């Protein structure tokens, strides 16, 4: 009976370790998704800068191009 009990305890510990590893992997997956989005955004911004000679009209704070009115005041 002692053997069955210790085997069950070991299985519980293994299950706990697997659950913790799954949480870590899920968290890493979330970070990978965020980094992939950032890379895609940077590629888009680079393309916009390459297409426009000076990069004017590209607003890096908002995540994309923006129109700057002639008076220079954003509304």
PDB file of N, CA and C in Angstrom:
ATOM      1  N   UNK A   1       0.814  -1.200   0.000  1.00  0.00           N
ATOM      2  CA  UNK A   1       0.000   0.000   0.000  1.00  0.00           C
ATOM      3  C   UNK A   1       0.855   1.261   0.000  1.00  0.00           C
ATOM      4  N   UNK A   2       1.984   1.209   0.689  1.00  0.00           N
ATOM      5  CA  UNK A   2       2.863   2.374   0.724  1.00  0.00           C
ATOM      6  C   UNK A   2       3.311   2.748  -0.684  1.00  0.00           C
ATOM      7  N   UNK A   3       3.568   1.759  -1.504  1.00  0.00           N
ATOM      8  CA  UNK A   3       4.022   1.995  -2.871  1.00  0.00           C
ATOM      9  C   UNK A   3       2.957   2.728  -3.684  1.00  0.00           C
ATOM     10  N   UNK A   4       1.697   2.315  -3.533  1.00  0.00           N
ATOM     11  CA  UNK A   4       0.612   2.973  -4.255  1.00  0.00           C
ATOM     12  C   UNK A   4       0.485   4.438  -3.837  1.00  0.00           C
ATOM     13  N   UNK A   5       0.628   4.683  -2.541  1.00  0.00           N
ATOM     14  CA  UNK A   5       0.507   6.044  -2.033  1.00  0.00           C
ATOM     15  C   UNK A   5       1.622   6.932  -2.583  1.00  0.00           C
ATOM     16  N   UNK A   6       2.864   6.448  -2.542  1.00  0.00           N
ATOM     17  CA  UNK A   6       3.982   7.265  -3.025  1.00  0.00           C
ATOM     18  C   UNK A   6       3.899   7.469  -4.539  1.00  0.00           C
ATOM     19  N   UNK A   7       3.414   6.476  -5.261  1.00  0.00           N
ATOM     20  CA  UNK A   7       3.229   6.627  -6.705  1.00  0.00           C
ATOM     21  C   UNK A   7       2.186   7.695  -6.989  1.00  0.00           C
ATOM     22  N   UNK A   8       1.123   7.694  -6.212  1.00  0.00           N
ATOM     23  CA  UNK A   8       0.074   8.697  -6.400  1.00  0.00           C
ATOM     24  C   UNK A   8       0.601  10.100  -6.087  1.00  0.00           C
ATOM     25  N   UNK A   9       1.403  10.220  -5.052  1.00  0.00           N
ATOM     26  CA  UNK A   9       2.005  11.511  -4.701  1.00  0.00           C
ATOM     27  C   UNK A   9       2.927  11.980  -5.829  1.00  0.00           C
ATOM     28  N   UNK A  10       3.730  11.062  -6.359  1.00  0.00           N
ATOM     29  CA  UNK A  10       4.620  11.422  -7.461  1.00  0.00           C
ATOM     30  C   UNK A  10       3.825  11.885  -8.677  1.00  0.00           C
ATOM     31  N   UNK A  11       2.735  11.203  -8.967  1.00  0.00           N
ATOM     32  CA  UNK A  11       1.892  11.595 -10.092  1.00  0.00           C
ATOM     33  C   UNK A  11       1.286  12.979  -9.875  1.00  0.00           C
ATOM     34  N   UNK A  12       0.897  13.267  -8.646  1.00  0.00           N
ATOM     35  CA  UNK A  12       0.344  14.586  -8.344  1.00  0.00           C
ATOM     36  C   UNK A  12       1.404  15.669  -8.555  1.00  0.00           C
ATOM     37  N   UNK A  13       2.641  15.391  -8.129  1.00  0.00           N
ATOM     38  CA  UNK A  13       3.727  16.355  -8.328  1.00  0.00           C
ATOM     39  C   UNK A  13       4.007  16.562  -9.818  1.00  0.00           C
ATOM     40  N   UNK A  14       4.010  15.479 -10.579  1.00  0.00           N
ATOM     41  CA  UNK A  14       4.223  15.594 -12.020  1.00  0.00           C
ATOM     42  C   UNK A  14       3.116  16.403 -12.681  1.00  0.00           C
ATOM     43  N   UNK A  15       1.886  16.152 -12.274  1.00  0.00           N
ATOM     44  CA  UNK A  15       0.752  16.898 -12.826  1.00  0.00           C
ATOM     45  C   UNK A  15       0.889  18.387 -12.502  1.00  0.00           C
ATOM     46  N   UNK A  16       1.307  18.687 -11.282  1.00  0.00           N
ATOM     47  CA  UNK A  16       1.512  20.078 -10.881  1.00  0.00           C
ATOM     48  C   UNK A  16       2.608  20.734 -11.725  1.00  0.00           C
ATOM     49  N   UNK A  17       3.700  20.018 -11.953  1.00  0.00           N
ATOM     50  CA  UNK A  17       4.788  20.555 -12.776  1.00  0.00           C
ATOM     51  C   UNK A  17       4.322  20.798 -14.209  1.00  0.00           C
ATOM     52  N   UNK A  18       3.554  19.875 -14.750  1.00  0.00           N
ATOM     53  CA  UNK A  18       3.033  20.025 -16.112  1.00  0.00           C
ATOM     54  C   UNK A  18       2.126  21.245 -16.195  1.00  0.00           C
ATOM     55  N   UNK A  19       1.273  21.422 -15.198  1.00  0.00           N
ATOM     56  CA  UNK A  19       0.377  22.584 -15.192  1.00  0.00           C
ATOM     57  C   UNK A  19       1.167  23.890 -15.138  1.00  0.00           C
ATOM     58  N   UNK A  20       2.220  23.923 -14.325  1.00  0.00           N
ATOM     59  CA  UNK A  20       3.047  25.131 -14.242  1.00  0.00           C
ATOM     60  C   UNK A  20       3.770  25.390 -15.560  1.00  0.00           C
ATOM     61  N   UNK A  21       4.261  24.331 -16.190  1.00  0.00           N
ATOM     62  CA  UNK A  21       4.930  24.494 -17.487  1.00  0.00           C
ATOM     63  C   UNK A  21       3.953  25.006 -18.541  1.00  0.00           C
ATOM     64  N   UNK A  22       2.732  24.518 -18.510  1.00  0.00           N
ATOM     65  CA  UNK A  22       1.724  24.987 -19.463  1.00  0.00           C
ATOM     66  C   UNK A  22       1.435  26.473 -19.274  1.00  0.00           C
ATOM     67  N   UNK A  23       1.395  26.923 -18.025  1.00  0.00           N
ATOM     68  CA  UNK A  23       1.183  28.350 -17.760  1.00  0.00           C
ATOM     69  C   UNK A  23       2.341  29.186 -18.298  1.00  0.00           C
ATOM     70  N   UNK A  24       3.558  28.707 -18.095  1.00  0.00           N
ATOM     71  CA  UNK A  24       4.735  29.426 -18.593  1.00  0.00           C
ATOM     72  C   UNK A  24       4.698  29.491 -20.115  1.00  0.00           C
ATOM     73  N   UNK A  25       4.379  28.371 -20.755  1.00  0.00           N
ATOM     74  CA  UNK A  25       4.317  28.347 -22.220  1.00  0.00           C
ATOM     75  C   UNK A  25       3.226  29.270 -22.748  1.00  0.00           C
ATOM     76  N   UNK A  26       2.092  29.304 -22.080  1.00  0.00           N
ATOM     77  CA  UNK A  26       1.007  30.191 -22.507  1.00  0.00           C
ATOM     78  C   UNK A  26       1.439  31.650 -22.384  1.00  0.00           C
ATOM     79  N   UNK A  27       2.136  31.970 -21.298  1.00  0.00           N
ATOM     80  CA  UNK A  27       2.620  33.334 -21.101  1.00  0.00           C
ATOM     81  C   UNK A  27       3.641  33.699 -22.177  1.00  0.00           C
ATOM     82  N   UNK A  28       4.530  32.770 -22.489  1.00  0.00           N
ATOM     83  CA  UNK A  28       5.524  33.020 -23.538  1.00  0.00           C
ATOM     84  C   UNK A  28       4.840  33.191 -24.887  1.00  0.00           C
ATOM     85  N   UNK A  29       3.802  32.402 -25.136  1.00  0.00           N
ATOM     86  CA  UNK A  29       3.052  32.525 -26.386  1.00  0.00           C
ATOM     87  C   UNK A  29       2.427  33.901 -26.518  1.00  0.00           C
ATOM     88  N   UNK A  30       1.914  34.418 -25.400  1.00  0.00           N
ATOM     89  CA  UNK A  30       1.327  35.765 -25.398  1.00  0.00           C
ATOM     90  C   UNK A  30       2.389  36.804 -25.765  1.00  0.00           C
ATOM     91  N   UNK A  31       3.579  36.658 -25.171  1.00  0.00           N
ATOM     92  CA  UNK A  31       4.662  37.602 -25.471  1.00  0.00           C
ATOM     93  C   UNK A  31       5.099  37.491 -26.930  1.00  0.00           C
ATOM     94  N   UNK A  32       5.139  36.273 -27.449  1.00  0.00           N
ATOM     95  CA  UNK A  32       5.510  36.078 -28.853  1.00  0.00           C
ATOM     96  C   UNK A  32       4.490  36.751 -29.757  1.00  0.00           C
ATOM     97  N   UNK A  33       3.202  36.613 -29.429  1.00  0.00           N
ATOM     98  CA  UNK A  33       2.154  37.270 -30.222  1.00  0.00           C
ATOM     99  C   UNK A  33       2.326  38.786 -30.209  1.00  0.00           C
ATOM    100  N   UNK A  34       2.631  39.346 -29.027  1.00  0.00           N
ATOM    101  CA  UNK A  34       2.829  40.793 -28.933  1.00  0.00           C
ATOM    102  C   UNK A  34       4.031  41.227 -29.762  1.00  0.00           C
ATOM    103  N   UNK A  35       5.125  40.475 -29.667  1.00  0.00           N
ATOM    104  CA  UNK A  35       6.322  40.823 -30.434  1.00  0.00           C
ATOM    105  C   UNK A  35       6.076  40.710 -31.932  1.00  0.00           C
ATOM    106  N   UNK A  36       5.313  39.716 -32.344  1.00  0.00           N
ATOM    107  CA  UNK A  36       4.979  39.561 -33.760  1.00  0.00           C
ATOM    108  C   UNK A  36       4.192  40.767 -34.252  1.00  0.00           C
ATOM    109  N   UNK A  37       3.260  41.244 -33.435  1.00  0.00           N
ATOM    110  CA  UNK A  37       2.488  42.437 -33.785  1.00  0.00           C
ATOM    111  C   UNK A  37       3.362  43.673 -33.878  1.00  0.00           C
ATOM    112  N   UNK A  38       4.296  43.804 -32.961  1.00  0.00           N
ATOM    113  CA  UNK A  38       5.205  44.950 -32.974  1.00  0.00           C
ATOM    114  C   UNK A  38       6.076  44.913 -34.229  1.00  0.00           C
ATOM    115  N   UNK A  39       6.579  43.732 -34.570  1.00  0.00           N
ATOM    116  CA  UNK A  39       7.416  43.595 -35.769  1.00  0.00           C
ATOM    117  C   UNK A  39       6.621  43.963 -37.015  1.00  0.00           C
ATOM    118  N   UNK A  40       5.381  43.487 -37.102  1.00  0.00           N
ATOM    119  CA  UNK A  40       4.542  43.816 -38.262  1.00  0.00           C
ATOM    120  C   UNK A  40       4.318  45.325 -38.349  1.00  0.00           C
ATOM    121  N   UNK A  41       4.079  45.960 -37.209  1.00  0.00           N
ATOM    122  CA  UNK A  41       3.874  47.407 -37.176  1.00  0.00           C
ATOM    123  C   UNK A  41       5.136  48.150 -37.619  1.00  0.00           C
ATOM    124  N   UNK A  42       6.289  47.695 -37.144  1.00  0.00           N
ATOM    125  CA  UNK A  42       7.546  48.338 -37.533  1.00  0.00           C
ATOM    126  C   UNK A  42       7.829  48.167 -39.021  1.00  0.00           C
ATOM    127  N   UNK A  43       7.501  46.997 -39.564  1.00  0.00           N
ATOM    128  CA  UNK A  43       7.684  46.779 -41.007  1.00  0.00           C
ATOM    129  C   UNK A  43       6.804  47.739 -41.805  1.00  0.00           C
ATOM    130  N   UNK A  44       5.566  47.920 -41.343  1.00  0.00           N
ATOM    131  CA  UNK A  44       4.650  48.842 -42.020  1.00  0.00           C
ATOM    132  C   UNK A  44       5.189  50.264 -41.959  1.00  0.00           C
ATOM    133  N   UNK A  45       5.649  50.664 -40.796  1.00  0.00           N
ATOM    134  CA  UNK A  45       6.190  52.016 -40.640  1.00  0.00           C
ATOM    135  C   UNK A  45       7.421  52.225 -41.514  1.00  0.00           C
ATOM    136  N   UNK A  46       8.296  51.215 -41.568  1.00  0.00           N
ATOM    137  CA  UNK A  46       9.487  51.316 -42.407  1.00  0.00           C
ATOM    138  C   UNK A  46       9.102  51.456 -43.872  1.00  0.00           C
ATOM    139  N   UNK A  47       8.121  50.681 -44.295  1.00  0.00           N
ATOM    140  CA  UNK A  47       7.661  50.759 -45.683  1.00  0.00           C
ATOM    141  C   UNK A  47       7.119  52.159 -45.981  1.00  0.00           C
ATOM    142  N   UNK A  48       6.352  52.711 -45.042  1.00  0.00           N
ATOM    143  CA  UNK A  48       5.819  54.062 -45.236  1.00  0.00           C
ATOM    144  C   UNK A  48       6.937  55.091 -45.321  1.00  0.00           C
ATOM    145  N   UNK A  49       7.949  54.924 -44.493  1.00  0.00           N
ATOM    146  CA  UNK A  49       9.076  55.857 -44.526  1.00  0.00           C
ATOM    147  C   UNK A  49       9.853  55.732 -45.832  1.00  0.00           C
ATOM    148  N   UNK A  50       9.990  54.499 -46.320  1.00  0.00           N
ATOM    149  CA  UNK A  50      10.711  54.300 -47.578  1.00  0.00           C
ATOM    150  C   UNK A  50       9.933  54.869 -48.758  1.00  0.00           C
ATOM    151  N   UNK A  51       8.603  54.767 -48.710  1.00  0.00           N
ATOM    152  CA  UNK A  51       7.770  55.273 -49.802  1.00  0.00           C
ATOM    153  C   UNK A  51       7.729  56.791 -49.822  1.00  0.00           C
ATOM    154  N   UNK A  52       7.667  57.401 -48.661  1.00  0.00           N
ATOM    155  CA  UNK A  52       7.700  58.862 -48.559  1.00  0.00           C
ATOM    156  C   UNK A  52       9.128  59.259 -48.259  1.00  0.00           C
ATOM    157  N   UNK A  53       9.688  60.142 -49.029  1.00  0.00           N
ATOM    158  CA  UNK A  53      11.122  60.422 -48.925  1.00  0.00           C
ATOM    159  C   UNK A  53      11.540  60.915 -47.545  1.00  0.00           C
ATOM    160  N   UNK A  54      10.727  61.758 -46.906  1.00  0.00           N
ATOM    161  CA  UNK A  54      11.148  62.323 -45.627  1.00  0.00           C
ATOM    162  C   UNK A  54      10.439  61.704 -44.434  1.00  0.00           C
ATOM    163  N   UNK A  55       9.376  60.959 -44.686  1.00  0.00           N
ATOM    164  CA  UNK A  55       8.627  60.387 -43.583  1.00  0.00           C
ATOM    165  C   UNK A  55       7.655  61.350 -42.959  1.00  0.00           C
ATOM    166  N   UNK A  56       7.492  62.539 -43.552  1.00  0.00           N
ATOM    167  CA  UNK A  56       6.530  63.489 -43.003  1.00  0.00           C
ATOM    168  C   UNK A  56       5.134  62.904 -43.083  1.00  0.00           C
ATOM    169  N   UNK A  57       4.349  63.196 -42.091  1.00  0.00           N
ATOM    170  CA  UNK A  57       2.976  62.700 -42.066  1.00  0.00           C
ATOM    171  C   UNK A  57       2.844  61.348 -41.405  1.00  0.00           C
ATOM    172  N   UNK A  58       3.954  60.772 -40.969  1.00  0.00           N
ATOM    173  CA  UNK A  58       3.889  59.498 -40.267  1.00  0.00           C
ATOM    174  C   UNK A  58       3.943  59.800 -38.782  1.00  0.00           C
ATOM    175  N   UNK A  59       2.902  59.387 -38.079  1.00  0.00           N
ATOM    176  CA  UNK A  59       2.812  59.638 -36.646  1.00  0.00           C
ATOM    177  C   UNK A  59       3.125  58.339 -35.919  1.00  0.00           C
ATOM    178  N   UNK A  60       4.298  58.259 -35.300  1.00  0.00           N
ATOM    179  CA  UNK A  60       4.699  57.028 -34.638  1.00  0.00           C
ATOM    180  C   UNK A  60       4.009  56.817 -33.300  1.00  0.00           C
ATOM    181  N   UNK A  61       3.373  57.830 -32.768  1.00  0.00           N
ATOM    182  CA  UNK A  61       2.677  57.675 -31.496  1.00  0.00           C
ATOM    183  C   UNK A  61       1.367  56.929 -31.649  1.00  0.00           C
ATOM    184  N   UNK A  62       0.713  57.056 -32.775  1.00  0.00           N
ATOM    185  CA  UNK A  62      -0.611  56.460 -32.935  1.00  0.00           C
ATOM    186  C   UNK A  62      -0.568  55.097 -33.589  1.00  0.00           C
ATOM    187  N   UNK A  63       0.597  54.679 -34.054  1.00  0.00           N
ATOM    188  CA  UNK A  63       0.702  53.369 -34.654  1.00  0.00           C
ATOM    189  C   UNK A  63       0.476  53.345 -36.142  1.00  0.00           C
ATOM    190  N   UNK A  64       0.412  54.492 -36.792  1.00  0.00           N
ATOM    191  CA  UNK A  64       0.212  54.485 -38.228  1.00  0.00           C
ATOM    192  C   UNK A  64       0.341  55.867 -38.815  1.00  0.00           C
ATOM    193  N   UNK A  65       0.109  55.965 -40.121  1.00  0.00           N
ATOM    194  CA  UNK A  65       0.235  57.273 -40.772  1.00  0.00           C
ATOM    195  C   UNK A  65      -0.873  58.216 -40.328  1.00  0.00           C
ATOM    196  N   UNK A  66      -0.585  59.479 -40.359  1.00  0.00           N
ATOM    197  CA  UNK A  66      -1.609  60.463 -40.036  1.00  0.00           C
ATOM    198  C   UNK A  66      -1.445  61.650 -40.971  1.00  0.00           C
ATOM    199  N   UNK A  67      -2.539  62.272 -41.247  1.00  0.00           N
ATOM    200  CA  UNK A  67      -2.508  63.469 -42.079  1.00  0.00           C
ATOM    201  C   UNK A  67      -2.203  64.662 -41.189  1.00  0.00           C
ATOM    202  N   UNK A  68      -1.242  65.459 -41.593  1.00  0.00           N
ATOM    203  CA  UNK A  68      -0.938  66.686 -40.866  1.00  0.00           C
ATOM    204  C   UNK A  68      -1.488  67.835 -41.697  1.00  0.00           C
ATOM    205  N   UNK A  69      -2.445  68.572 -41.148  1.00  0.00           N
ATOM    206  CA  UNK A  69      -3.045  69.672 -41.904  1.00  0.00           C
ATOM    207  C   UNK A  69      -2.019  70.771 -42.176  1.00  0.00           C
ATOM    208  N   UNK A  70      -2.285  71.589 -43.197  1.00  0.00           N
ATOM    209  CA  UNK A  70      -1.337  72.656 -43.567  1.00  0.00           C
ATOM    210  C   UNK A  70      -0.987  73.590 -42.419  1.00  0.00           C
ATOM    211  N   UNK A  71      -1.933  73.823 -41.493  1.00  0.00           N
ATOM    212  CA  UNK A  71      -1.629  74.733 -40.386  1.00  0.00           C
ATOM    213  C   UNK A  71      -0.843  74.042 -39.270  1.00  0.00           C
ATOM    214  N   UNK A  72      -0.627  72.724 -39.401  1.00  0.00           N
ATOM    215  CA  UNK A  72       0.168  71.987 -38.426  1.00  0.00           C
ATOM    216  C   UNK A  72      -0.553  71.637 -37.149  1.00  0.00           C
ATOM    217  N   UNK A  73      -1.853  71.891 -37.071  1.00  0.00           N
ATOM    218  CA  UNK A  73      -2.615  71.615 -35.853  1.00  0.00           C
ATOM    219  C   UNK A  73      -3.428  70.343 -36.067  1.00  0.00           C
ATOM    220  N   UNK A  74      -3.140  69.336 -35.260  1.00  0.00           N
ATOM    221  CA  UNK A  74      -3.928  68.099 -35.329  1.00  0.00           C
ATOM    222  C   UNK A  74      -5.243  68.293 -34.601  1.00  0.00           C
ATOM    223  N   UNK A  75      -6.297  67.847 -35.197  1.00  0.00           N
ATOM    224  CA  UNK A  75      -7.614  68.005 -34.577  1.00  0.00           C
ATOM    225  C   UNK A  75      -8.146  66.681 -34.128  1.00  0.00           C
TER     226      UNK A  75
END
